[in-house]
Amino acid sequence: MKPVLKMSVLAATILLAVGCQDEKAAETKPAEPAKVEQVAAEAAPATFATEDDKAAYAIGASLAQYLAANLDQQKELGLELSKEQVLAGVTDVFADQSRLTPEETQQALQSLDQRVSEMAQQKAQEEAEKNIKAGEEYRAEFEKKDGVVKTDSGLLYQVETQGEGDKPAATDTVKVHYKGMLTDGTEFDSSYARNQPATFPLNQVISGWTEGVQLMPVGSKFTFVIPPELAYGSQANPSIPANSTLVFEVELLDIVKADQPAEEAAQ
């Protein structure tokens, strides 16, 4: 879990100046500027007496963006921190009237970081368990459909179009069109959307693909439902949550031979 204070270099410099010296704070996570941009668009054009005044205001705005985004992230975990107290801390330090020593400030931030980490881990565990259950239910329903085959590994597939070409081996490089989805229909990847087939060695992808595409004669289109243990397991990324069952529509266009010209393979 990354620490709760993930700020821009500018915001980090400001907080260091007012006594917030958590070394973990230097990790970067830019705040989304959408709300700020909207307010700025609706407000009257800003005027400042000098460029220094404008720069000073920009420093404050950058800090506020970071703080607002940080508080929103914590709120998503169920932790609500008072904006008024945050503002009071900034104001008091600039007035040289801080109610906390630098050591107490550091301890409070470390304690907060620990609490946020524990809450995030708990949320991630709950999400993973929910995904496991949703995947099991989806696979059970898919397995009931006509023509669905389940392999010994747990991979499910349904033939949409049966080709008549050769079947690839695990060591072959294949050219495919595909679309990947979560069980709720959310699309996370698609060569169709890029309007460009994908070419890759079959033994360098998730095991569900390695197994499944070997079942396909060239010219076929299959739908695969891949359990998490044959996909990304407990690993999560922004588009695929942990323990997700994945659904792929795959067309096998060609088996790319080792001596096939690169320009031909890319067509």
C-alpha atoms as a PDB file:
ATOM      1  CA  MET A   1       0.000   0.000   0.000  1.00  0.00           C
ATOM      2  CA  LYS A   2       1.464   3.350  -0.973  1.00  0.00           C
ATOM      3  CA  PRO A   3       1.501   5.942   1.806  1.00  0.00           C
ATOM      4  CA  VAL A   4      -1.415   8.278   2.275  1.00  0.00           C
ATOM      5  CA  LEU A   5       0.671  11.322   1.378  1.00  0.00           C
ATOM      6  CA  LYS A   6       1.307  11.042  -2.371  1.00  0.00           C
ATOM      7  CA  MET A   7       1.916  14.562  -3.584  1.00  0.00           C
ATOM      8  CA  SER A   8       3.433  16.544  -6.385  1.00  0.00           C
ATOM      9  CA  VAL A   9       6.963  17.880  -5.949  1.00  0.00           C
ATOM     10  CA  LEU A  10       5.542  21.358  -5.498  1.00  0.00           C
ATOM     11  CA  ALA A  11       3.075  20.277  -2.822  1.00  0.00           C
ATOM     12  CA  ALA A  12       5.784  18.258  -1.082  1.00  0.00           C
ATOM     13  CA  THR A  13       8.020  21.309  -0.944  1.00  0.00           C
ATOM     14  CA  ILE A  14       5.250  23.362   0.625  1.00  0.00           C
ATOM     15  CA  LEU A  15       4.412  20.805   3.286  1.00  0.00           C
ATOM     16  CA  LEU A  16       8.076  20.342   4.122  1.00  0.00           C
ATOM     17  CA  ALA A  17       8.275  24.103   4.645  1.00  0.00           C
ATOM     18  CA  VAL A  18       5.395  24.002   7.154  1.00  0.00           C
ATOM     19  CA  GLY A  19       6.790  21.046   9.080  1.00  0.00           C
ATOM     20  CA  CYS A  20       5.267  17.954   7.416  1.00  0.00           C
ATOM     21  CA  GLN A  21       8.462  15.986   6.767  1.00  0.00           C
ATOM     22  CA  ASP A  22       7.216  12.500   6.001  1.00  0.00           C
ATOM     23  CA  GLU A  23       9.777  11.081   3.543  1.00  0.00           C
ATOM     24  CA  LYS A  24       7.127   8.830   2.018  1.00  0.00           C
ATOM     25  CA  ALA A  25       5.297  11.926   0.920  1.00  0.00           C
ATOM     26  CA  ALA A  26       7.478  12.338  -2.144  1.00  0.00           C
ATOM     27  CA  GLU A  27       5.606   9.666  -4.142  1.00  0.00           C
ATOM     28  CA  THR A  28       3.644  11.243  -6.952  1.00  0.00           C
ATOM     29  CA  LYS A  29      -0.061  10.999  -7.666  1.00  0.00           C
ATOM     30  CA  PRO A  30      -1.403  14.059  -9.494  1.00  0.00           C
ATOM     31  CA  ALA A  31      -4.802  15.277  -8.419  1.00  0.00           C
ATOM     32  CA  GLU A  32      -7.528  15.313 -11.000  1.00  0.00           C
ATOM     33  CA  PRO A  33      -7.988  18.955 -12.041  1.00  0.00           C
ATOM     34  CA  ALA A  34     -11.494  18.603 -13.499  1.00  0.00           C
ATOM     35  CA  LYS A  35     -13.349  20.343 -10.682  1.00  0.00           C
ATOM     36  CA  VAL A  36     -10.766  23.094 -10.404  1.00  0.00           C
ATOM     37  CA  GLU A  37     -10.839  23.702 -14.145  1.00  0.00           C
ATOM     38  CA  GLN A  38     -14.615  23.917 -14.116  1.00  0.00           C
ATOM     39  CA  VAL A  39     -14.634  26.484 -11.326  1.00  0.00           C
ATOM     40  CA  ALA A  40     -11.907  28.470 -13.051  1.00  0.00           C
ATOM     41  CA  ALA A  41     -13.850  28.489 -16.308  1.00  0.00           C
ATOM     42  CA  GLU A  42     -16.932  29.862 -14.590  1.00  0.00           C
ATOM     43  CA  ALA A  43     -15.090  32.480 -12.517  1.00  0.00           C
ATOM     44  CA  ALA A  44     -13.994  35.906 -13.684  1.00  0.00           C
ATOM     45  CA  PRO A  45     -10.476  36.114 -15.179  1.00  0.00           C
ATOM     46  CA  ALA A  46      -7.882  36.155 -12.419  1.00  0.00           C
ATOM     47  CA  THR A  47      -5.842  39.313 -11.925  1.00  0.00           C
ATOM     48  CA  PHE A  48      -2.741  39.680  -9.790  1.00  0.00           C
ATOM     49  CA  ALA A  49      -0.641  42.729  -8.945  1.00  0.00           C
ATOM     50  CA  THR A  50       2.627  40.948  -9.770  1.00  0.00           C
ATOM     51  CA  GLU A  51       3.911  37.695 -11.217  1.00  0.00           C
ATOM     52  CA  ASP A  52       5.127  36.813  -7.722  1.00  0.00           C
ATOM     53  CA  ASP A  53       1.579  37.134  -6.401  1.00  0.00           C
ATOM     54  CA  LYS A  54       0.334  34.899  -9.197  1.00  0.00           C
ATOM     55  CA  ALA A  55       3.027  32.305  -8.469  1.00  0.00           C
ATOM     56  CA  ALA A  56       2.221  32.380  -4.753  1.00  0.00           C
ATOM     57  CA  TYR A  57      -1.466  31.847  -5.491  1.00  0.00           C
ATOM     58  CA  ALA A  58      -0.606  28.970  -7.806  1.00  0.00           C
ATOM     59  CA  ILE A  59       1.380  27.312  -5.013  1.00  0.00           C
ATOM     60  CA  GLY A  60      -1.669  27.511  -2.750  1.00  0.00           C
ATOM     61  CA  ALA A  61      -3.948  26.185  -5.488  1.00  0.00           C
ATOM     62  CA  SER A  62      -1.605  23.257  -6.147  1.00  0.00           C
ATOM     63  CA  LEU A  63      -1.529  22.408  -2.464  1.00  0.00           C
ATOM     64  CA  ALA A  64      -5.332  22.602  -2.244  1.00  0.00           C
ATOM     65  CA  GLN A  65      -5.742  20.309  -5.251  1.00  0.00           C
ATOM     66  CA  TYR A  66      -3.479  17.727  -3.696  1.00  0.00           C
ATOM     67  CA  LEU A  67      -5.166  17.930  -0.290  1.00  0.00           C
ATOM     68  CA  ALA A  68      -8.684  17.704  -1.745  1.00  0.00           C
ATOM     69  CA  ALA A  69      -7.781  14.645  -3.824  1.00  0.00           C
ATOM     70  CA  ASN A  70      -6.055  13.038  -0.854  1.00  0.00           C
ATOM     71  CA  LEU A  71      -9.073  13.530   1.389  1.00  0.00           C
ATOM     72  CA  ASP A  72     -11.388  12.146  -1.297  1.00  0.00           C
ATOM     73  CA  GLN A  73      -9.268   8.991  -1.576  1.00  0.00           C
ATOM     74  CA  GLN A  74      -9.440   8.445   2.166  1.00  0.00           C
ATOM     75  CA  LYS A  75     -13.197   9.048   2.161  1.00  0.00           C
ATOM     76  CA  GLU A  76     -13.585   6.199  -0.345  1.00  0.00           C
ATOM     77  CA  LEU A  77     -12.046   3.925   2.286  1.00  0.00           C
ATOM     78  CA  GLY A  78     -14.480   5.177   4.936  1.00  0.00           C
ATOM     79  CA  LEU A  79     -12.106   7.628   6.622  1.00  0.00           C
ATOM     80  CA  GLU A  80     -13.348  11.212   6.797  1.00  0.00           C
ATOM     81  CA  LEU A  81     -10.904  13.920   7.839  1.00  0.00           C
ATOM     82  CA  SER A  82     -12.004  17.460   8.576  1.00  0.00           C
ATOM     83  CA  LYS A  83     -11.129  19.987   5.877  1.00  0.00           C
ATOM     84  CA  GLU A  84     -11.405  22.663   8.530  1.00  0.00           C
ATOM     85  CA  GLN A  85      -8.685  21.019  10.632  1.00  0.00           C
ATOM     86  CA  VAL A  86      -6.469  20.607   7.562  1.00  0.00           C
ATOM     87  CA  LEU A  87      -6.822  24.308   6.798  1.00  0.00           C
ATOM     88  CA  ALA A  88      -6.247  25.164  10.466  1.00  0.00           C
ATOM     89  CA  GLY A  89      -2.986  23.196  10.431  1.00  0.00           C
ATOM     90  CA  VAL A  90      -1.715  25.110   7.412  1.00  0.00           C
ATOM     91  CA  THR A  91      -2.795  28.470   8.834  1.00  0.00           C
ATOM     92  CA  ASP A  92      -1.317  27.814  12.283  1.00  0.00           C
ATOM     93  CA  VAL A  93       2.071  26.752  10.935  1.00  0.00           C
ATOM     94  CA  PHE A  94       2.324  29.812   8.703  1.00  0.00           C
ATOM     95  CA  ALA A  95       1.476  31.906  11.767  1.00  0.00           C
ATOM     96  CA  ASP A  96       4.167  30.034  13.743  1.00  0.00           C
ATOM     97  CA  GLN A  97       1.481  28.823  16.153  1.00  0.00           C
ATOM     98  CA  SER A  98       1.360  25.084  15.443  1.00  0.00           C
ATOM     99  CA  ARG A  99      -0.382  22.995  18.091  1.00  0.00           C
ATOM    100  CA  LEU A 100       1.904  20.057  17.281  1.00  0.00           C
ATOM    101  CA  THR A 101       5.663  19.750  17.430  1.00  0.00           C
ATOM    102  CA  PRO A 102       7.430  18.440  14.300  1.00  0.00           C
ATOM    103  CA  GLU A 103       7.825  15.085  16.063  1.00  0.00           C
ATOM    104  CA  GLU A 104       4.104  14.929  16.917  1.00  0.00           C
ATOM    105  CA  THR A 105       3.239  15.869  13.339  1.00  0.00           C
ATOM    106  CA  GLN A 106       5.423  13.043  12.031  1.00  0.00           C
ATOM    107  CA  GLN A 107       3.896  10.540  14.452  1.00  0.00           C
ATOM    108  CA  ALA A 108       0.351  11.571  13.532  1.00  0.00           C
ATOM    109  CA  LEU A 109       1.063  11.171   9.821  1.00  0.00           C
ATOM    110  CA  GLN A 110       2.670   7.770  10.332  1.00  0.00           C
ATOM    111  CA  SER A 111      -0.325   6.641  12.362  1.00  0.00           C
ATOM    112  CA  LEU A 112      -2.682   7.872   9.647  1.00  0.00           C
ATOM    113  CA  ASP A 113      -0.652   6.094   6.988  1.00  0.00           C
ATOM    114  CA  GLN A 114      -0.913   2.835   8.960  1.00  0.00           C
ATOM    115  CA  ARG A 115      -4.685   3.168   9.394  1.00  0.00           C
ATOM    116  CA  VAL A 116      -5.213   3.924   5.702  1.00  0.00           C
ATOM    117  CA  SER A 117      -3.047   0.947   4.745  1.00  0.00           C
ATOM    118  CA  GLU A 118      -5.056  -1.411   6.943  1.00  0.00           C
ATOM    119  CA  MET A 119      -8.370  -0.089   5.637  1.00  0.00           C
ATOM    120  CA  ALA A 120      -7.200  -0.395   2.036  1.00  0.00           C
ATOM    121  CA  GLN A 121      -6.064  -3.977   2.596  1.00  0.00           C
ATOM    122  CA  GLN A 122      -9.420  -4.840   4.145  1.00  0.00           C
ATOM    123  CA  LYS A 123     -11.287  -3.273   1.238  1.00  0.00           C
ATOM    124  CA  ALA A 124      -9.094  -5.098  -1.280  1.00  0.00           C
ATOM    125  CA  GLN A 125      -9.752  -8.419   0.464  1.00  0.00           C
ATOM    126  CA  GLU A 126     -13.499  -7.839   0.455  1.00  0.00           C
ATOM    127  CA  GLU A 127     -13.386  -6.883  -3.234  1.00  0.00           C
ATOM    128  CA  ALA A 128     -11.359  -9.977  -4.101  1.00  0.00           C
ATOM    129  CA  GLU A 129     -13.796 -12.256  -2.265  1.00  0.00           C
ATOM    130  CA  LYS A 130     -16.713 -10.606  -4.061  1.00  0.00           C
ATOM    131  CA  ASN A 131     -14.988 -11.155  -7.410  1.00  0.00           C
ATOM    132  CA  ILE A 132     -14.388 -14.832  -6.642  1.00  0.00           C
ATOM    133  CA  LYS A 133     -18.071 -15.371  -5.893  1.00  0.00           C
ATOM    134  CA  ALA A 134     -19.221 -13.405  -8.944  1.00  0.00           C
ATOM    135  CA  GLY A 135     -16.851 -15.392 -11.153  1.00  0.00           C
ATOM    136  CA  GLU A 136     -18.040 -18.729  -9.815  1.00  0.00           C
ATOM    137  CA  GLU A 137     -21.661 -17.779 -10.447  1.00  0.00           C
ATOM    138  CA  TYR A 138     -20.901 -16.557 -13.968  1.00  0.00           C
ATOM    139  CA  ARG A 139     -18.978 -19.698 -14.896  1.00  0.00           C
ATOM    140  CA  ALA A 140     -21.725 -21.936 -13.525  1.00  0.00           C
ATOM    141  CA  GLU A 141     -24.309 -20.196 -15.725  1.00  0.00           C
ATOM    142  CA  PHE A 142     -22.065 -20.132 -18.791  1.00  0.00           C
ATOM    143  CA  GLU A 143     -21.349 -23.835 -18.446  1.00  0.00           C
ATOM    144  CA  LYS A 144     -25.084 -24.556 -18.866  1.00  0.00           C
ATOM    145  CA  LYS A 145     -25.158 -23.066 -22.371  1.00  0.00           C
ATOM    146  CA  ASP A 146     -25.357 -25.318 -25.416  1.00  0.00           C
ATOM    147  CA  GLY A 147     -22.005 -26.333 -26.815  1.00  0.00           C
ATOM    148  CA  VAL A 148     -19.912 -25.128 -23.878  1.00  0.00           C
ATOM    149  CA  VAL A 149     -16.940 -27.356 -23.086  1.00  0.00           C
ATOM    150  CA  LYS A 150     -15.027 -27.396 -19.794  1.00  0.00           C
ATOM    151  CA  THR A 151     -11.419 -28.584 -19.820  1.00  0.00           C
ATOM    152  CA  ASP A 152      -9.652 -30.359 -16.973  1.00  0.00           C
ATOM    153  CA  SER A 153      -8.055 -27.060 -15.923  1.00  0.00           C
ATOM    154  CA  GLY A 154     -11.434 -25.323 -15.559  1.00  0.00           C
ATOM    155  CA  LEU A 155     -11.245 -23.348 -18.788  1.00  0.00           C
ATOM    156  CA  LEU A 156     -14.640 -22.923 -20.483  1.00  0.00           C
ATOM    157  CA  TYR A 157     -15.064 -22.350 -24.187  1.00  0.00           C
ATOM    158  CA  GLN A 158     -17.788 -22.159 -26.800  1.00  0.00           C
ATOM    159  CA  VAL A 159     -17.196 -22.448 -30.537  1.00  0.00           C
ATOM    160  CA  GLU A 160     -18.715 -19.508 -32.410  1.00  0.00           C
ATOM    161  CA  THR A 161     -17.119 -20.311 -35.780  1.00  0.00           C
ATOM    162  CA  GLN A 162     -15.205 -23.511 -36.546  1.00  0.00           C
ATOM    163  CA  GLY A 163     -12.222 -22.959 -38.814  1.00  0.00           C
ATOM    164  CA  GLU A 164     -10.520 -25.536 -40.989  1.00  0.00           C
ATOM    165  CA  GLY A 165      -6.876 -24.528 -40.657  1.00  0.00           C
ATOM    166  CA  ASP A 166      -4.070 -25.890 -38.503  1.00  0.00           C
ATOM    167  CA  LYS A 167      -4.040 -25.651 -34.728  1.00  0.00           C
ATOM    168  CA  PRO A 168      -1.124 -23.812 -33.133  1.00  0.00           C
ATOM    169  CA  ALA A 169       1.298 -25.288 -30.619  1.00  0.00           C
ATOM    170  CA  ALA A 170       2.191 -23.528 -27.388  1.00  0.00           C
ATOM    171  CA  THR A 171       5.529 -22.519 -28.889  1.00  0.00           C
ATOM    172  CA  ASP A 172       3.948 -20.905 -31.966  1.00  0.00           C
ATOM    173  CA  THR A 173       3.373 -17.214 -32.561  1.00  0.00           C
ATOM    174  CA  VAL A 174      -0.230 -16.434 -33.454  1.00  0.00           C
ATOM    175  CA  LYS A 175      -2.095 -13.527 -35.001  1.00  0.00           C
ATOM    176  CA  VAL A 176      -5.522 -12.890 -33.461  1.00  0.00           C
ATOM    177  CA  HIS A 177      -8.358 -10.446 -33.108  1.00  0.00           C
ATOM    178  CA  TYR A 178      -9.882 -10.416 -29.650  1.00  0.00           C
ATOM    179  CA  LYS A 179     -12.018  -8.611 -27.109  1.00  0.00           C
ATOM    180  CA  GLY A 180     -11.576  -9.010 -23.346  1.00  0.00           C
ATOM    181  CA  MET A 181     -14.340  -8.347 -20.817  1.00  0.00           C
ATOM    182  CA  LEU A 182     -15.134  -8.704 -17.147  1.00  0.00           C
ATOM    183  CA  THR A 183     -18.159 -10.789 -16.207  1.00  0.00           C
ATOM    184  CA  ASP A 184     -20.295  -7.642 -15.910  1.00  0.00           C
ATOM    185  CA  GLY A 185     -19.596  -6.843 -19.565  1.00  0.00           C
ATOM    186  CA  THR A 186     -16.982  -4.159 -18.937  1.00  0.00           C
ATOM    187  CA  GLU A 187     -14.512  -4.206 -21.839  1.00  0.00           C
ATOM    188  CA  PHE A 188     -10.893  -3.829 -20.728  1.00  0.00           C
ATOM    189  CA  ASP A 189      -9.042  -4.601 -23.959  1.00  0.00           C
ATOM    190  CA  SER A 190      -9.838  -5.015 -27.648  1.00  0.00           C
ATOM    191  CA  SER A 191      -7.787  -5.379 -30.800  1.00  0.00           C
ATOM    192  CA  TYR A 192     -11.002  -4.597 -32.707  1.00  0.00           C
ATOM    193  CA  ALA A 193     -11.110  -1.171 -31.063  1.00  0.00           C
ATOM    194  CA  ARG A 194      -7.520  -0.561 -32.155  1.00  0.00           C
ATOM    195  CA  ASN A 195      -8.360  -1.885 -35.639  1.00  0.00           C
ATOM    196  CA  GLN A 196      -5.142  -3.882 -35.498  1.00  0.00           C
ATOM    197  CA  PRO A 197      -4.756  -7.650 -34.937  1.00  0.00           C
ATOM    198  CA  ALA A 198      -2.369  -8.709 -32.194  1.00  0.00           C
ATOM    199  CA  THR A 199       0.616 -10.993 -32.801  1.00  0.00           C
ATOM    200  CA  PHE A 200       2.397 -12.715 -29.934  1.00  0.00           C
ATOM    201  CA  PRO A 201       4.067 -15.982 -28.837  1.00  0.00           C
ATOM    202  CA  LEU A 202       1.386 -18.230 -27.393  1.00  0.00           C
ATOM    203  CA  ASN A 203       3.564 -19.280 -24.465  1.00  0.00           C
ATOM    204  CA  GLN A 204       3.977 -15.686 -23.255  1.00  0.00           C
ATOM    205  CA  VAL A 205       0.366 -14.921 -22.350  1.00  0.00           C
ATOM    206  CA  ILE A 206      -1.916 -16.003 -19.511  1.00  0.00           C
ATOM    207  CA  SER A 207      -2.272 -19.773 -19.243  1.00  0.00           C
ATOM    208  CA  GLY A 208      -5.968 -19.674 -20.145  1.00  0.00           C
ATOM    209  CA  TRP A 209      -5.012 -18.204 -23.520  1.00  0.00           C
ATOM    210  CA  THR A 210      -2.109 -20.612 -24.020  1.00  0.00           C
ATOM    211  CA  GLU A 211      -4.399 -23.578 -23.453  1.00  0.00           C
ATOM    212  CA  GLY A 212      -7.459 -22.230 -25.215  1.00  0.00           C
ATOM    213  CA  VAL A 213      -5.960 -20.931 -28.453  1.00  0.00           C
ATOM    214  CA  GLN A 214      -4.281 -24.313 -29.026  1.00  0.00           C
ATOM    215  CA  LEU A 215      -7.798 -25.745 -29.372  1.00  0.00           C
ATOM    216  CA  MET A 216      -8.600 -23.403 -32.268  1.00  0.00           C
ATOM    217  CA  PRO A 217      -8.030 -24.208 -35.927  1.00  0.00           C
ATOM    218  CA  VAL A 218      -7.029 -21.144 -37.931  1.00  0.00           C
ATOM    219  CA  GLY A 219     -10.177 -19.356 -39.057  1.00  0.00           C
ATOM    220  CA  SER A 220     -12.066 -20.125 -35.839  1.00  0.00           C
ATOM    221  CA  LYS A 221     -13.755 -17.806 -33.393  1.00  0.00           C
ATOM    222  CA  PHE A 222     -14.188 -19.019 -29.809  1.00  0.00           C
ATOM    223  CA  THR A 223     -15.544 -17.472 -26.622  1.00  0.00           C
ATOM    224  CA  PHE A 224     -13.412 -18.308 -23.594  1.00  0.00           C
ATOM    225  CA  VAL A 225     -14.384 -17.914 -19.955  1.00  0.00           C
ATOM    226  CA  ILE A 226     -11.173 -18.027 -17.954  1.00  0.00           C
ATOM    227  CA  PRO A 227     -11.142 -18.527 -14.156  1.00  0.00           C
ATOM    228  CA  PRO A 228      -8.754 -16.313 -12.188  1.00  0.00           C
ATOM    229  CA  GLU A 229      -6.237 -19.080 -11.565  1.00  0.00           C
ATOM    230  CA  LEU A 230      -5.727 -19.293 -15.355  1.00  0.00           C
ATOM    231  CA  ALA A 231      -5.663 -15.505 -15.730  1.00  0.00           C
ATOM    232  CA  TYR A 232      -4.175 -12.921 -13.343  1.00  0.00           C
ATOM    233  CA  GLY A 233      -5.187 -14.510 -10.039  1.00  0.00           C
ATOM    234  CA  SER A 234      -4.952 -12.217  -7.047  1.00  0.00           C
ATOM    235  CA  GLN A 235      -2.990  -9.592  -8.977  1.00  0.00           C
ATOM    236  CA  ALA A 236      -4.981  -6.468  -9.742  1.00  0.00           C
ATOM    237  CA  ASN A 237      -4.496  -3.570 -12.123  1.00  0.00           C
ATOM    238  CA  PRO A 238      -6.612  -0.500 -12.887  1.00  0.00           C
ATOM    239  CA  SER A 239      -8.728  -2.355 -15.474  1.00  0.00           C
ATOM    240  CA  ILE A 240      -8.815  -5.900 -14.059  1.00  0.00           C
ATOM    241  CA  PRO A 241      -9.684  -6.357 -10.365  1.00  0.00           C
ATOM    242  CA  ALA A 242      -8.087  -9.127  -8.321  1.00  0.00           C
ATOM    243  CA  ASN A 243      -9.495 -12.645  -8.717  1.00  0.00           C
ATOM    244  CA  SER A 244     -11.492 -11.717 -11.802  1.00  0.00           C
ATOM    245  CA  THR A 245     -12.991 -14.292 -14.133  1.00  0.00           C
ATOM    246  CA  LEU A 246     -12.292 -13.043 -17.668  1.00  0.00           C
ATOM    247  CA  VAL A 247     -14.338 -13.423 -20.841  1.00  0.00           C
ATOM    248  CA  PHE A 248     -12.590 -13.322 -24.221  1.00  0.00           C
ATOM    249  CA  GLU A 249     -13.893 -13.449 -27.759  1.00  0.00           C
ATOM    250  CA  VAL A 250     -10.972 -14.643 -29.893  1.00  0.00           C
ATOM    251  CA  GLU A 251     -10.513 -15.054 -33.639  1.00  0.00           C
ATOM    252  CA  LEU A 252      -7.453 -17.017 -34.711  1.00  0.00           C
ATOM    253  CA  LEU A 253      -6.344 -15.369 -37.950  1.00  0.00           C
ATOM    254  CA  ASP A 254      -3.029 -17.068 -38.576  1.00  0.00           C
ATOM    255  CA  ILE A 255      -0.088 -19.014 -37.207  1.00  0.00           C
ATOM    256  CA  VAL A 256       2.981 -16.891 -37.877  1.00  0.00           C
ATOM    257  CA  LYS A 257       5.831 -19.066 -39.100  1.00  0.00           C
ATOM    258  CA  ALA A 258       9.363 -18.359 -37.952  1.00  0.00           C
ATOM    259  CA  ASP A 259      10.502 -17.635 -41.509  1.00  0.00           C
ATOM    260  CA  GLN A 260       7.466 -15.493 -42.379  1.00  0.00           C
ATOM    261  CA  PRO A 261       8.438 -11.887 -43.273  1.00  0.00           C
ATOM    262  CA  ALA A 262       7.602  -9.391 -40.526  1.00  0.00           C
ATOM    263  CA  GLU A 263       5.643  -7.155 -42.868  1.00  0.00           C
ATOM    264  CA  GLU A 264       3.484 -10.105 -43.935  1.00  0.00           C
ATOM    265  CA  ALA A 265       2.809 -11.119 -40.338  1.00  0.00           C
ATOM    266  CA  ALA A 266       1.692  -7.608 -39.425  1.00  0.00           C
ATOM    267  CA  GLN A 267      -0.931  -7.374 -42.175  1.00  0.00           C
END
